[in-house]
Amino acid sequence: MPILRFAFPLAGCALYLVGCASSGLSARNYSVHSTTIKDRNVLLDAAQTALIAEGYRIDRVDLRNGLVSTEPIETVLQRHERLSSRTRSRRHAQVRVEPGPEFLNIYCKVALQEQMTEAHRMFESQQNRLDTPGQTPIDRDAATTNEQNTVWRTTGRDKVAERRILDIIRASIHHLSPSVPMGAP
């Protein structure tokens, strides 16, 4: 019986760690396009142009890691994309350029996010993690800004926007090299 006392918590921790492991870049969590262009910087420039054309503001460009990330932009989500009709929502785009076996792959993800600050505060206060005796709301949030206190939850992806961004990239690099269809050897 003493073994079971330690086995269950250990098994729970192992499942938690395995469940939180990221699968990395794949067609499951990104829209993907392959190209025969070998210059990563050309593709990153095309990605920046595509994101700006779609109305995003560039937040970060990491040439070394092949990443272009945007600032979140407020948007109106369709009814099937949102959890609640009263919350604010936004989109956040990210384009990565990574080498594949033979080609460079362009990965694009547009995350849909909803503001969950009020729900988060309600759950935290119910669990007594937010309020301590004698602590006032002004004490709790005094050291941070409203932006830092805002909680956003990713609710899904906008695959249509991802395809539009990849189409713009594809059109801008088409004259440089023909693209390779997905699944090509």
Protein backbone atom coordinates (compact mmCIF):
# COMPACT_ATOMS: atom_id res chain seq x y z
CA MET A 1 0.00 0.00 0.00
CA PRO A 2 2.82 2.53 0.62
CA ILE A 3 3.83 2.15 -3.03
CA LEU A 4 0.36 3.16 -4.20
CA ARG A 5 0.52 6.30 -2.09
CA PHE A 6 3.45 7.49 -4.20
CA ALA A 7 2.52 5.82 -7.50
CA PHE A 8 -0.69 7.76 -8.13
CA PRO A 9 0.76 11.25 -7.62
CA LEU A 10 3.82 10.28 -9.66
CA ALA A 11 1.60 8.95 -12.47
CA GLY A 12 -0.46 12.15 -12.35
CA CYS A 13 2.65 14.30 -12.65
CA ALA A 14 3.92 12.20 -15.56
CA LEU A 15 0.61 12.54 -17.42
CA TYR A 16 0.58 16.27 -16.78
CA LEU A 17 4.09 16.69 -18.19
CA VAL A 18 3.39 14.53 -21.23
CA GLY A 19 0.12 16.34 -21.88
CA CYS A 20 1.82 19.73 -21.77
CA ALA A 21 4.59 18.80 -24.18
CA SER A 22 4.37 20.83 -27.37
CA SER A 23 4.30 18.98 -30.66
CA GLY A 24 6.17 21.83 -32.37
CA LEU A 25 5.56 23.09 -35.86
CA SER A 26 3.23 20.90 -37.88
CA ALA A 27 0.27 21.11 -40.21
CA ARG A 28 -1.92 20.27 -37.19
CA ASN A 29 -1.31 23.59 -35.47
CA TYR A 30 -0.23 25.83 -38.40
CA SER A 31 -1.20 26.38 -42.02
CA VAL A 32 1.85 25.38 -44.07
CA HIS A 33 3.28 26.24 -47.49
CA SER A 34 6.52 24.85 -48.94
CA THR A 35 8.75 26.67 -51.40
CA THR A 36 12.01 26.02 -53.21
CA ILE A 37 13.34 29.48 -52.31
CA LYS A 38 16.43 29.03 -50.16
CA ASP A 39 16.71 32.61 -48.81
CA ARG A 40 14.89 32.80 -45.48
CA ASN A 41 15.11 36.63 -45.38
CA VAL A 42 13.20 36.95 -48.66
CA LEU A 43 10.40 34.85 -47.21
CA LEU A 44 10.36 36.81 -43.96
CA ASP A 45 10.14 40.08 -45.92
CA ALA A 46 7.23 38.63 -47.91
CA ALA A 47 5.58 37.56 -44.62
CA GLN A 48 5.89 41.08 -43.20
CA THR A 49 4.37 42.53 -46.36
CA ALA A 50 1.48 40.04 -46.24
CA LEU A 51 0.74 40.71 -42.57
CA ILE A 52 0.74 44.48 -43.11
CA ALA A 53 -1.54 44.04 -46.15
CA GLU A 54 -3.99 42.15 -43.92
CA GLY A 55 -4.06 45.01 -41.39
CA TYR A 56 -1.68 43.69 -38.74
CA ARG A 57 1.06 45.73 -37.05
CA ILE A 58 4.42 43.99 -36.82
CA ASP A 59 5.49 43.47 -33.22
CA ARG A 60 8.64 41.40 -33.56
CA VAL A 61 10.89 40.16 -36.35
CA ASP A 62 13.44 37.54 -35.37
CA LEU A 63 15.59 36.84 -38.42
CA ARG A 64 17.77 34.35 -36.57
CA ASN A 65 14.83 32.12 -35.61
CA GLY A 66 12.72 32.86 -38.70
CA LEU A 67 9.78 34.46 -36.89
CA VAL A 68 7.47 37.38 -37.64
CA SER A 69 4.92 38.12 -34.92
CA THR A 70 2.22 40.79 -34.83
CA GLU A 71 0.59 42.89 -32.18
CA PRO A 72 -2.90 41.65 -31.33
CA ILE A 73 -5.64 43.58 -33.12
CA GLU A 74 -9.16 43.93 -31.77
CA THR A 75 -11.73 42.26 -33.96
CA VAL A 76 -15.31 41.11 -34.04
CA LEU A 77 -15.52 37.33 -33.96
CA GLN A 78 -18.28 35.40 -35.67
CA ARG A 79 -20.83 33.76 -33.39
CA HIS A 80 -19.32 30.26 -33.81
CA GLU A 81 -15.82 31.57 -32.97
CA ARG A 82 -16.56 33.08 -29.57
CA LEU A 83 -17.45 31.76 -26.17
CA SER A 84 -19.40 34.77 -24.94
CA SER A 85 -21.15 37.62 -26.71
CA ARG A 86 -20.11 40.22 -24.12
CA THR A 87 -16.34 39.88 -24.26
CA ARG A 88 -13.78 41.72 -26.33
CA SER A 89 -11.84 39.67 -28.84
CA ARG A 90 -8.67 39.96 -30.88
CA ARG A 91 -6.50 38.19 -33.44
CA HIS A 92 -2.77 37.57 -33.16
CA ALA A 93 -0.77 36.39 -36.20
CA GLN A 94 2.55 34.60 -36.37
CA VAL A 95 4.57 33.47 -39.39
CA ARG A 96 7.57 31.15 -39.11
CA VAL A 97 10.02 30.08 -41.80
CA GLU A 98 11.74 26.78 -41.07
CA PRO A 99 13.88 24.48 -43.18
CA GLY A 100 12.36 21.18 -44.23
CA PRO A 101 14.12 18.15 -45.68
CA GLU A 102 14.35 19.72 -49.16
CA PHE A 103 12.38 22.95 -49.03
CA LEU A 104 11.77 25.91 -46.77
CA ASN A 105 8.39 25.70 -45.06
CA ILE A 106 6.29 28.75 -44.20
CA TYR A 107 4.09 28.20 -41.13
CA CYS A 108 1.27 30.63 -40.40
CA LYS A 109 -1.03 30.80 -37.38
CA VAL A 110 -3.73 33.36 -36.56
CA ALA A 111 -4.93 32.85 -32.99
CA LEU A 112 -8.41 33.97 -31.92
CA GLN A 113 -8.47 35.29 -28.36
CA GLU A 114 -11.22 36.45 -26.02
CA GLN A 115 -10.85 38.65 -22.98
CA MET A 116 -11.53 36.61 -19.86
CA THR A 117 -10.43 39.04 -17.13
CA GLU A 118 -13.72 39.21 -15.23
CA ALA A 119 -14.22 35.44 -15.28
CA HIS A 120 -10.61 34.94 -14.21
CA ARG A 121 -11.01 37.35 -11.26
CA MET A 122 -14.23 35.66 -10.22
CA PHE A 123 -12.63 32.19 -10.20
CA GLU A 124 -9.52 33.45 -8.41
CA SER A 125 -11.54 35.14 -5.68
CA GLN A 126 -13.64 32.00 -5.20
CA GLN A 127 -10.46 30.02 -4.65
CA ASN A 128 -9.17 32.65 -2.20
CA ARG A 129 -6.05 33.23 -4.25
CA LEU A 130 -6.81 36.82 -5.18
CA ASP A 131 -7.93 38.40 -1.94
CA THR A 132 -6.18 38.14 1.35
CA PRO A 133 -7.75 39.53 4.52
CA GLY A 134 -7.22 43.28 4.71
CA GLN A 135 -6.20 43.62 1.05
CA THR A 136 -8.17 46.15 -0.96
CA PRO A 137 -8.62 46.07 -4.76
CA ILE A 138 -6.32 49.09 -5.09
CA ASP A 139 -3.56 47.19 -3.25
CA ARG A 140 -4.04 44.13 -5.43
CA ASP A 141 -3.63 45.94 -8.76
CA ALA A 142 -1.53 48.92 -7.71
CA ALA A 143 1.76 47.72 -9.17
CA THR A 144 0.43 46.79 -12.62
CA THR A 145 -1.39 48.45 -15.49
CA ASN A 146 -4.82 47.50 -16.79
CA GLU A 147 -3.14 45.95 -19.83
CA GLN A 148 -1.00 43.73 -17.60
CA ASN A 149 -4.05 42.68 -15.58
CA THR A 150 -6.05 41.71 -18.66
CA VAL A 151 -6.38 37.97 -19.21
CA TRP A 152 -6.78 36.69 -22.78
CA ARG A 153 -7.75 33.11 -23.63
CA THR A 154 -6.96 31.56 -27.00
CA THR A 155 -10.17 30.02 -28.30
CA GLY A 156 -9.06 28.75 -31.70
CA ARG A 157 -7.50 29.62 -35.03
CA ASP A 158 -8.67 31.65 -38.02
CA LYS A 159 -7.71 29.27 -40.81
CA VAL A 160 -9.25 31.48 -43.49
CA ALA A 161 -6.98 34.38 -42.49
CA GLU A 162 -4.01 31.99 -42.39
CA ARG A 163 -4.70 30.90 -45.99
CA ARG A 164 -5.10 34.54 -47.10
CA ILE A 165 -1.72 35.45 -45.58
CA LEU A 166 -0.05 32.43 -47.21
CA ASP A 167 -1.69 33.31 -50.55
CA ILE A 168 -0.26 36.84 -50.38
CA ILE A 169 3.18 35.44 -49.56
CA ARG A 170 2.88 32.92 -52.40
CA ALA A 171 1.89 35.65 -54.86
CA SER A 172 4.76 37.92 -53.82
CA ILE A 173 7.44 35.22 -54.21
CA HIS A 174 5.94 33.48 -57.26
CA HIS A 175 8.25 35.28 -59.69
CA LEU A 176 11.32 34.10 -57.73
CA SER A 177 10.65 30.39 -57.73
CA PRO A 178 7.77 27.99 -58.27
CA SER A 179 6.11 26.71 -55.13
CA VAL A 180 6.00 23.11 -54.12
CA PRO A 181 2.64 21.50 -53.30
CA MET A 182 2.21 20.12 -49.80
CA GLY A 183 3.12 16.47 -49.59
CA ALA A 184 5.80 16.73 -52.27
CA PRO A 185 8.84 14.56 -51.62
